[in-house]
Amino acid sequence: MLTLMDECDAINAENCVLKDGVPSWKRKKREYLNEIPISKKLEIEEKTHTLCQELDQLKDFMNIREKEFSELKSESPDLKRRLDSLVSENNKLHE
């Protein structure tokens, strides 16, 4: 179960990095757009829109994963107790 918790922590950290990076990414995009021709700007805006949609999908996916990990994390102590109980019963049967 330790690996599940580690993976959950890693996903939470990655999610925070994504959320923290968006404002600086938007600022850099504005600075870059001021330096290029209009035709290129339109092309970049289309790509940016697509990337924003993909980022939203990734955020949704991350939220779903966080919810599932949270549910698994809450279930893990009960499952561990049941596993320990079954192992104990099994050991008693083989004694």
C-alpha atoms as a PDB file:
ATOM      1  CA  MET A   1       0.000   0.000   0.000  1.00  0.00           C
ATOM      2  CA  LEU A   2       2.979   2.288   0.426  1.00  0.00           C
ATOM      3  CA  THR A   3       3.448   2.489  -3.335  1.00  0.00           C
ATOM      4  CA  LEU A   4      -0.188   3.569  -3.771  1.00  0.00           C
ATOM      5  CA  MET A   5       0.324   6.406  -1.313  1.00  0.00           C
ATOM      6  CA  ASP A   6       3.601   7.356  -2.988  1.00  0.00           C
ATOM      7  CA  GLU A   7       1.901   7.441  -6.378  1.00  0.00           C
ATOM      8  CA  CYS A   8      -0.914   9.568  -4.953  1.00  0.00           C
ATOM      9  CA  ASP A   9       1.615  12.018  -3.504  1.00  0.00           C
ATOM     10  CA  ALA A  10       3.457  12.146  -6.831  1.00  0.00           C
ATOM     11  CA  ILE A  11       0.225  12.875  -8.698  1.00  0.00           C
ATOM     12  CA  ASN A  12      -0.713  15.599  -6.224  1.00  0.00           C
ATOM     13  CA  ALA A  13       2.722  17.177  -6.636  1.00  0.00           C
ATOM     14  CA  GLU A  14       2.442  17.014 -10.433  1.00  0.00           C
ATOM     15  CA  ASN A  15      -1.023  18.567 -10.268  1.00  0.00           C
ATOM     16  CA  CYS A  16       0.326  21.444  -8.141  1.00  0.00           C
ATOM     17  CA  VAL A  17       3.150  22.028 -10.613  1.00  0.00           C
ATOM     18  CA  LEU A  18       0.643  22.181 -13.478  1.00  0.00           C
ATOM     19  CA  LYS A  19      -1.574  24.636 -11.597  1.00  0.00           C
ATOM     20  CA  ASP A  20       1.411  26.793 -10.549  1.00  0.00           C
ATOM     21  CA  GLY A  21       2.843  26.935 -14.071  1.00  0.00           C
ATOM     22  CA  VAL A  22      -0.241  28.287 -15.844  1.00  0.00           C
ATOM     23  CA  PRO A  23       0.105  32.020 -14.888  1.00  0.00           C
ATOM     24  CA  SER A  24       3.749  32.226 -15.985  1.00  0.00           C
ATOM     25  CA  TRP A  25       2.923  30.291 -19.153  1.00  0.00           C
ATOM     26  CA  LYS A  26       0.167  32.806 -20.010  1.00  0.00           C
ATOM     27  CA  ARG A  27       2.536  35.751 -19.390  1.00  0.00           C
ATOM     28  CA  LYS A  28       5.229  34.231 -21.598  1.00  0.00           C
ATOM     29  CA  LYS A  29       2.638  33.573 -24.300  1.00  0.00           C
ATOM     30  CA  ARG A  30       1.574  37.258 -24.274  1.00  0.00           C
ATOM     31  CA  GLU A  31       5.198  38.406 -24.483  1.00  0.00           C
ATOM     32  CA  TYR A  32       5.880  36.038 -27.359  1.00  0.00           C
ATOM     33  CA  LEU A  33       2.715  37.081 -29.226  1.00  0.00           C
ATOM     34  CA  ASN A  34       3.853  40.712 -29.195  1.00  0.00           C
ATOM     35  CA  GLU A  35       6.949  39.780 -31.200  1.00  0.00           C
ATOM     36  CA  ILE A  36       5.464  37.800 -34.122  1.00  0.00           C
ATOM     37  CA  PRO A  37       3.311  38.512 -37.214  1.00  0.00           C
ATOM     38  CA  ILE A  38      -0.493  38.329 -37.101  1.00  0.00           C
ATOM     39  CA  SER A  39      -0.749  35.168 -39.247  1.00  0.00           C
ATOM     40  CA  LYS A  40       1.555  33.380 -36.848  1.00  0.00           C
ATOM     41  CA  LYS A  41      -0.450  34.753 -33.929  1.00  0.00           C
ATOM     42  CA  LEU A  42      -3.629  33.143 -35.245  1.00  0.00           C
ATOM     43  CA  GLU A  43      -1.877  29.824 -35.708  1.00  0.00           C
ATOM     44  CA  ILE A  44      -0.473  30.020 -32.191  1.00  0.00           C
ATOM     45  CA  GLU A  45      -3.846  31.014 -30.758  1.00  0.00           C
ATOM     46  CA  GLU A  46      -5.416  27.912 -32.331  1.00  0.00           C
ATOM     47  CA  LYS A  47      -2.690  25.715 -30.891  1.00  0.00           C
ATOM     48  CA  THR A  48      -3.035  27.460 -27.547  1.00  0.00           C
ATOM     49  CA  HIS A  49      -6.769  26.854 -27.524  1.00  0.00           C
ATOM     50  CA  THR A  50      -6.207  23.170 -28.277  1.00  0.00           C
ATOM     51  CA  LEU A  51      -3.559  22.927 -25.558  1.00  0.00           C
ATOM     52  CA  CYS A  52      -5.867  24.622 -23.058  1.00  0.00           C
ATOM     53  CA  GLN A  53      -8.587  22.105 -23.864  1.00  0.00           C
ATOM     54  CA  GLU A  54      -6.112  19.265 -23.408  1.00  0.00           C
ATOM     55  CA  LEU A  55      -4.932  20.808 -20.126  1.00  0.00           C
ATOM     56  CA  ASP A  56      -8.538  20.967 -18.924  1.00  0.00           C
ATOM     57  CA  GLN A  57      -8.970  17.296 -19.847  1.00  0.00           C
ATOM     58  CA  LEU A  58      -5.774  16.440 -17.973  1.00  0.00           C
ATOM     59  CA  LYS A  59      -6.974  18.388 -14.935  1.00  0.00           C
ATOM     60  CA  ASP A  60     -10.277  16.491 -15.045  1.00  0.00           C
ATOM     61  CA  PHE A  61      -8.357  13.226 -15.308  1.00  0.00           C
ATOM     62  CA  MET A  62      -6.101  14.229 -12.406  1.00  0.00           C
ATOM     63  CA  ASN A  63      -9.134  15.110 -10.285  1.00  0.00           C
ATOM     64  CA  ILE A  64     -10.691  11.739 -11.051  1.00  0.00           C
ATOM     65  CA  ARG A  65      -7.431   9.981 -10.156  1.00  0.00           C
ATOM     66  CA  GLU A  66      -7.131  11.993  -6.947  1.00  0.00           C
ATOM     67  CA  LYS A  67     -10.686  11.027  -5.997  1.00  0.00           C
ATOM     68  CA  GLU A  68     -10.033   7.348  -6.757  1.00  0.00           C
ATOM     69  CA  PHE A  69      -6.754   7.387  -4.821  1.00  0.00           C
ATOM     70  CA  SER A  70      -8.486   9.047  -1.920  1.00  0.00           C
ATOM     71  CA  GLU A  71     -11.134   6.328  -1.934  1.00  0.00           C
ATOM     72  CA  LEU A  72      -8.475   3.619  -2.163  1.00  0.00           C
ATOM     73  CA  LYS A  73      -6.464   5.250   0.574  1.00  0.00           C
ATOM     74  CA  SER A  74      -9.515   5.257   2.867  1.00  0.00           C
ATOM     75  CA  GLU A  75     -10.196   1.603   2.040  1.00  0.00           C
ATOM     76  CA  SER A  76      -6.607   0.435   2.473  1.00  0.00           C
ATOM     77  CA  PRO A  77      -6.551   0.239   6.322  1.00  0.00           C
ATOM     78  CA  ASP A  78      -9.687  -1.934   6.303  1.00  0.00           C
ATOM     79  CA  LEU A  79      -8.260  -4.155   3.575  1.00  0.00           C
ATOM     80  CA  LYS A  80      -4.992  -4.461   5.490  1.00  0.00           C
ATOM     81  CA  ARG A  81      -6.858  -5.499   8.648  1.00  0.00           C
ATOM     82  CA  ARG A  82      -8.826  -8.084   6.690  1.00  0.00           C
ATOM     83  CA  LEU A  83      -5.665  -9.392   5.037  1.00  0.00           C
ATOM     84  CA  ASP A  84      -3.902  -9.637   8.402  1.00  0.00           C
ATOM     85  CA  SER A  85      -6.916 -11.466   9.804  1.00  0.00           C
ATOM     86  CA  LEU A  86      -6.935 -13.934   6.912  1.00  0.00           C
ATOM     87  CA  VAL A  87      -3.198 -14.526   7.222  1.00  0.00           C
ATOM     88  CA  SER A  88      -3.609 -15.100  10.934  1.00  0.00           C
ATOM     89  CA  GLU A  89      -6.451 -17.574  10.341  1.00  0.00           C
ATOM     90  CA  ASN A  90      -4.403 -19.327   7.693  1.00  0.00           C
ATOM     91  CA  ASN A  91      -1.434 -19.607  10.059  1.00  0.00           C
ATOM     92  CA  LYS A  92      -3.674 -21.057  12.772  1.00  0.00           C
ATOM     93  CA  LEU A  93      -5.031 -23.657  10.362  1.00  0.00           C
ATOM     94  CA  HIS A  94      -1.525 -24.759   9.438  1.00  0.00           C
ATOM     95  CA  GLU A  95      -0.231 -25.008  12.994  1.00  0.00           C
END
